[in-house]
Amino acid sequence: MKTDEALYHLFLHSKPAELLIRVKEGDGKKYASVLAKEVDCTYSHCVRIIQEMQLMKLIEFRKEGRIKVVKLTKYGQDVAVALENLVRVFNRS
């Protein structure tokens, strides 16, 4: 494992951090099934992470027809930007 990856994994759990950043990259909203594929985890694990983030007021669910859309809150947007900046710092070293 490279040093920058080691730092990243030391300070952040990769799946939740990547999931939050991926929601931000999708104009702030995405489907849970798409997120699960993008971060390479099972749908059930992805939903569990999303539910925890919802309790922390980082994201919210919006129903669009039969599908639930995952959307960042203002607080979630701020945290996602901070995570991206932290990853950028790790990648600079």
N, C-alpha and C. Protein backbone atom coordinates (compact mmCIF):
# COMPACT_ATOMS: atom_id res chain seq x y z
N MET A 1 0.84 -1.18 0.00
CA MET A 1 0.00 0.00 0.00
C MET A 1 0.88 1.24 0.00
N LYS A 2 0.58 2.19 -0.88
CA LYS A 2 1.36 3.42 -0.95
C LYS A 2 1.11 4.25 0.30
N THR A 3 2.04 5.16 0.58
CA THR A 3 1.95 5.99 1.78
C THR A 3 0.68 6.82 1.81
N ASP A 4 0.30 7.45 0.68
CA ASP A 4 -0.90 8.28 0.68
C ASP A 4 -2.15 7.44 0.91
N GLU A 5 -2.18 6.22 0.38
CA GLU A 5 -3.30 5.33 0.62
C GLU A 5 -3.34 4.91 2.08
N ALA A 6 -2.18 4.65 2.67
CA ALA A 6 -2.11 4.27 4.08
C ALA A 6 -2.66 5.39 4.96
N LEU A 7 -2.30 6.63 4.66
CA LEU A 7 -2.82 7.77 5.41
C LEU A 7 -4.33 7.87 5.27
N TYR A 8 -4.79 7.72 4.04
CA TYR A 8 -6.22 7.80 3.77
C TYR A 8 -6.98 6.77 4.60
N HIS A 9 -6.51 5.52 4.58
CA HIS A 9 -7.19 4.45 5.31
C HIS A 9 -7.01 4.58 6.81
N LEU A 10 -5.94 5.21 7.24
CA LEU A 10 -5.72 5.42 8.66
C LEU A 10 -6.75 6.39 9.22
N PHE A 11 -7.02 7.46 8.49
CA PHE A 11 -7.90 8.50 9.00
C PHE A 11 -9.36 8.36 8.56
N LEU A 12 -9.60 7.65 7.50
CA LEU A 12 -10.96 7.55 6.96
C LEU A 12 -11.28 6.12 6.59
N HIS A 13 -12.50 5.72 6.87
CA HIS A 13 -12.97 4.44 6.33
C HIS A 13 -13.30 4.71 4.87
N SER A 14 -12.73 3.94 3.99
CA SER A 14 -12.81 4.28 2.57
C SER A 14 -14.23 4.27 2.00
N LYS A 15 -15.05 3.30 2.34
CA LYS A 15 -16.38 3.20 1.73
C LYS A 15 -17.28 4.39 2.09
N PRO A 16 -17.45 4.72 3.38
CA PRO A 16 -18.31 5.87 3.70
C PRO A 16 -17.80 7.19 3.11
N ALA A 17 -16.50 7.41 3.18
CA ALA A 17 -15.93 8.65 2.64
C ALA A 17 -16.13 8.71 1.13
N GLU A 18 -15.85 7.61 0.46
CA GLU A 18 -16.00 7.57 -1.00
C GLU A 18 -17.47 7.73 -1.39
N LEU A 19 -18.36 7.12 -0.62
CA LEU A 19 -19.78 7.20 -0.91
C LEU A 19 -20.26 8.65 -0.82
N LEU A 20 -19.86 9.36 0.22
CA LEU A 20 -20.27 10.75 0.38
C LEU A 20 -19.74 11.62 -0.76
N ILE A 21 -18.50 11.39 -1.13
CA ILE A 21 -17.90 12.15 -2.24
C ILE A 21 -18.60 11.83 -3.55
N ARG A 22 -18.97 10.56 -3.76
CA ARG A 22 -19.66 10.17 -5.00
C ARG A 22 -21.04 10.83 -5.11
N VAL A 23 -21.74 10.95 -3.98
CA VAL A 23 -23.04 11.63 -4.02
C VAL A 23 -22.83 13.08 -4.44
N LYS A 24 -21.79 13.71 -3.91
CA LYS A 24 -21.49 15.10 -4.26
C LYS A 24 -21.17 15.23 -5.75
N GLU A 25 -20.40 14.29 -6.28
CA GLU A 25 -20.02 14.33 -7.69
C GLU A 25 -21.23 14.16 -8.61
N GLY A 26 -22.26 13.54 -8.14
CA GLY A 26 -23.46 13.33 -8.95
C GLY A 26 -24.44 14.48 -8.81
N ASP A 27 -23.95 15.69 -8.78
CA ASP A 27 -24.78 16.88 -8.59
C ASP A 27 -25.58 16.80 -7.30
N GLY A 28 -25.03 16.10 -6.32
CA GLY A 28 -25.67 16.05 -5.01
C GLY A 28 -26.80 15.06 -4.87
N LYS A 29 -27.07 14.25 -5.90
CA LYS A 29 -28.10 13.22 -5.75
C LYS A 29 -27.81 12.01 -6.63
N LYS A 30 -28.05 10.83 -6.06
CA LYS A 30 -27.83 9.57 -6.78
C LYS A 30 -28.72 8.49 -6.20
N TYR A 31 -28.82 7.38 -6.91
CA TYR A 31 -29.55 6.23 -6.43
C TYR A 31 -28.62 5.33 -5.61
N ALA A 32 -29.17 4.67 -4.59
CA ALA A 32 -28.37 3.81 -3.72
C ALA A 32 -27.73 2.67 -4.51
N SER A 33 -28.44 2.09 -5.46
CA SER A 33 -27.89 0.97 -6.22
C SER A 33 -26.71 1.42 -7.08
N VAL A 34 -26.78 2.61 -7.63
CA VAL A 34 -25.67 3.15 -8.43
C VAL A 34 -24.47 3.42 -7.53
N LEU A 35 -24.72 3.99 -6.36
CA LEU A 35 -23.63 4.26 -5.41
C LEU A 35 -22.93 2.97 -5.00
N ALA A 36 -23.71 1.93 -4.74
CA ALA A 36 -23.12 0.64 -4.33
C ALA A 36 -22.15 0.13 -5.39
N LYS A 37 -22.52 0.25 -6.65
CA LYS A 37 -21.64 -0.20 -7.73
C LYS A 37 -20.40 0.68 -7.83
N GLU A 38 -20.59 1.99 -7.69
CA GLU A 38 -19.47 2.92 -7.82
C GLU A 38 -18.42 2.76 -6.73
N VAL A 39 -18.86 2.45 -5.50
CA VAL A 39 -17.90 2.30 -4.41
C VAL A 39 -17.53 0.84 -4.17
N ASP A 40 -18.05 -0.05 -5.02
CA ASP A 40 -17.73 -1.48 -4.97
C ASP A 40 -18.07 -2.11 -3.61
N CYS A 41 -19.34 -1.97 -3.23
CA CYS A 41 -19.80 -2.66 -2.02
C CYS A 41 -21.20 -3.19 -2.30
N THR A 42 -21.68 -4.04 -1.42
CA THR A 42 -23.01 -4.61 -1.63
C THR A 42 -24.07 -3.53 -1.42
N TYR A 43 -25.22 -3.76 -2.01
CA TYR A 43 -26.32 -2.82 -1.87
C TYR A 43 -26.72 -2.67 -0.40
N SER A 44 -26.78 -3.79 0.32
CA SER A 44 -27.20 -3.74 1.73
C SER A 44 -26.19 -2.96 2.58
N HIS A 45 -24.91 -3.13 2.32
CA HIS A 45 -23.88 -2.38 3.06
C HIS A 45 -24.00 -0.89 2.73
N CYS A 46 -24.22 -0.59 1.47
CA CYS A 46 -24.38 0.80 1.04
C CYS A 46 -25.58 1.45 1.74
N VAL A 47 -26.70 0.75 1.78
CA VAL A 47 -27.90 1.28 2.43
C VAL A 47 -27.66 1.49 3.92
N ARG A 48 -26.94 0.59 4.56
CA ARG A 48 -26.62 0.74 5.98
C ARG A 48 -25.80 2.00 6.22
N ILE A 49 -24.80 2.24 5.38
CA ILE A 49 -23.97 3.44 5.49
C ILE A 49 -24.84 4.69 5.27
N ILE A 50 -25.69 4.63 4.25
CA ILE A 50 -26.58 5.75 3.94
C ILE A 50 -27.51 6.05 5.11
N GLN A 51 -28.05 5.02 5.74
CA GLN A 51 -28.94 5.22 6.88
C GLN A 51 -28.21 5.89 8.05
N GLU A 52 -26.96 5.48 8.29
CA GLU A 52 -26.17 6.13 9.34
C GLU A 52 -25.92 7.59 8.99
N MET A 53 -25.62 7.86 7.73
CA MET A 53 -25.40 9.24 7.30
C MET A 53 -26.67 10.07 7.40
N GLN A 54 -27.81 9.43 7.18
CA GLN A 54 -29.08 10.12 7.31
C GLN A 54 -29.31 10.52 8.78
N LEU A 55 -28.98 9.64 9.70
CA LEU A 55 -29.11 9.96 11.12
C LEU A 55 -28.19 11.11 11.53
N MET A 56 -27.06 11.23 10.85
CA MET A 56 -26.11 12.31 11.12
C MET A 56 -26.45 13.59 10.36
N LYS A 57 -27.57 13.56 9.63
CA LYS A 57 -28.03 14.72 8.85
C LYS A 57 -27.08 15.10 7.72
N LEU A 58 -26.34 14.12 7.18
CA LEU A 58 -25.46 14.35 6.05
C LEU A 58 -26.20 14.21 4.73
N ILE A 59 -27.16 13.30 4.70
CA ILE A 59 -27.91 13.05 3.48
C ILE A 59 -29.39 12.91 3.81
N GLU A 60 -30.20 12.96 2.78
CA GLU A 60 -31.62 12.71 2.93
C GLU A 60 -32.10 11.89 1.74
N PHE A 61 -33.20 11.18 1.95
CA PHE A 61 -33.82 10.42 0.87
C PHE A 61 -34.95 11.24 0.27
N ARG A 62 -35.06 11.18 -1.02
CA ARG A 62 -36.20 11.79 -1.72
C ARG A 62 -36.80 10.70 -2.60
N LYS A 63 -38.10 10.58 -2.55
CA LYS A 63 -38.79 9.58 -3.36
C LYS A 63 -39.11 10.19 -4.72
N GLU A 64 -38.63 9.56 -5.77
CA GLU A 64 -38.94 9.97 -7.14
C GLU A 64 -39.58 8.77 -7.83
N GLY A 65 -40.88 8.76 -7.85
CA GLY A 65 -41.59 7.60 -8.37
C GLY A 65 -41.42 6.43 -7.42
N ARG A 66 -40.95 5.32 -7.95
CA ARG A 66 -40.72 4.14 -7.12
C ARG A 66 -39.32 4.10 -6.55
N ILE A 67 -38.48 5.03 -6.94
CA ILE A 67 -37.06 4.98 -6.58
C ILE A 67 -36.73 6.05 -5.55
N LYS A 68 -35.92 5.67 -4.56
CA LYS A 68 -35.43 6.63 -3.58
C LYS A 68 -34.12 7.23 -4.08
N VAL A 69 -34.04 8.53 -4.04
CA VAL A 69 -32.83 9.24 -4.45
C VAL A 69 -32.11 9.70 -3.20
N VAL A 70 -30.79 9.51 -3.18
CA VAL A 70 -29.96 9.96 -2.07
C VAL A 70 -29.46 11.35 -2.42
N LYS A 71 -29.68 12.31 -1.51
CA LYS A 71 -29.31 13.69 -1.77
C LYS A 71 -28.55 14.25 -0.57
N LEU A 72 -27.52 15.04 -0.84
CA LEU A 72 -26.76 15.67 0.23
C LEU A 72 -27.54 16.82 0.85
N THR A 73 -27.43 16.95 2.17
CA THR A 73 -27.93 18.14 2.84
C THR A 73 -26.85 19.21 2.73
N LYS A 74 -27.13 20.40 3.18
CA LYS A 74 -26.11 21.47 3.17
C LYS A 74 -24.91 21.03 4.01
N TYR A 75 -25.19 20.45 5.18
CA TYR A 75 -24.13 19.95 6.06
C TYR A 75 -23.34 18.84 5.36
N GLY A 76 -24.03 17.93 4.69
CA GLY A 76 -23.38 16.86 3.95
C GLY A 76 -22.50 17.38 2.83
N GLN A 77 -22.95 18.43 2.16
CA GLN A 77 -22.16 19.07 1.11
C GLN A 77 -20.86 19.62 1.70
N ASP A 78 -20.96 20.28 2.85
CA ASP A 78 -19.77 20.84 3.51
C ASP A 78 -18.78 19.74 3.90
N VAL A 79 -19.30 18.64 4.44
CA VAL A 79 -18.44 17.52 4.85
C VAL A 79 -17.79 16.87 3.63
N ALA A 80 -18.54 16.70 2.55
CA ALA A 80 -17.99 16.10 1.33
C ALA A 80 -16.87 16.95 0.76
N VAL A 81 -17.04 18.27 0.76
CA VAL A 81 -15.99 19.17 0.28
C VAL A 81 -14.75 19.05 1.16
N ALA A 82 -14.95 18.99 2.48
CA ALA A 82 -13.82 18.84 3.40
C ALA A 82 -13.09 17.52 3.17
N LEU A 83 -13.84 16.45 2.93
CA LEU A 83 -13.22 15.14 2.65
C LEU A 83 -12.41 15.19 1.36
N GLU A 84 -12.96 15.82 0.33
CA GLU A 84 -12.22 15.95 -0.94
C GLU A 84 -10.92 16.71 -0.72
N ASN A 85 -10.98 17.77 0.06
CA ASN A 85 -9.76 18.55 0.35
C ASN A 85 -8.75 17.72 1.11
N LEU A 86 -9.21 16.92 2.06
CA LEU A 86 -8.31 16.06 2.83
C LEU A 86 -7.66 15.02 1.93
N VAL A 87 -8.42 14.43 1.04
CA VAL A 87 -7.87 13.44 0.10
C VAL A 87 -6.83 14.11 -0.79
N ARG A 88 -7.10 15.34 -1.24
CA ARG A 88 -6.14 16.08 -2.07
C ARG A 88 -4.83 16.30 -1.32
N VAL A 89 -4.91 16.62 -0.03
CA VAL A 89 -3.70 16.82 0.79
C VAL A 89 -2.92 15.51 0.89
N PHE A 90 -3.61 14.40 1.12
CA PHE A 90 -2.94 13.10 1.21
C PHE A 90 -2.26 12.75 -0.11
N ASN A 91 -2.90 13.07 -1.22
CA ASN A 91 -2.36 12.74 -2.53
C ASN A 91 -1.17 13.61 -2.91
N ARG A 92 -1.02 14.76 -2.29
CA ARG A 92 0.11 15.65 -2.57
C ARG A 92 1.42 15.13 -1.99
N SER A 93 1.34 14.39 -0.92
CA SER A 93 2.58 13.95 -0.24
C SER A 93 3.34 12.89 -0.99
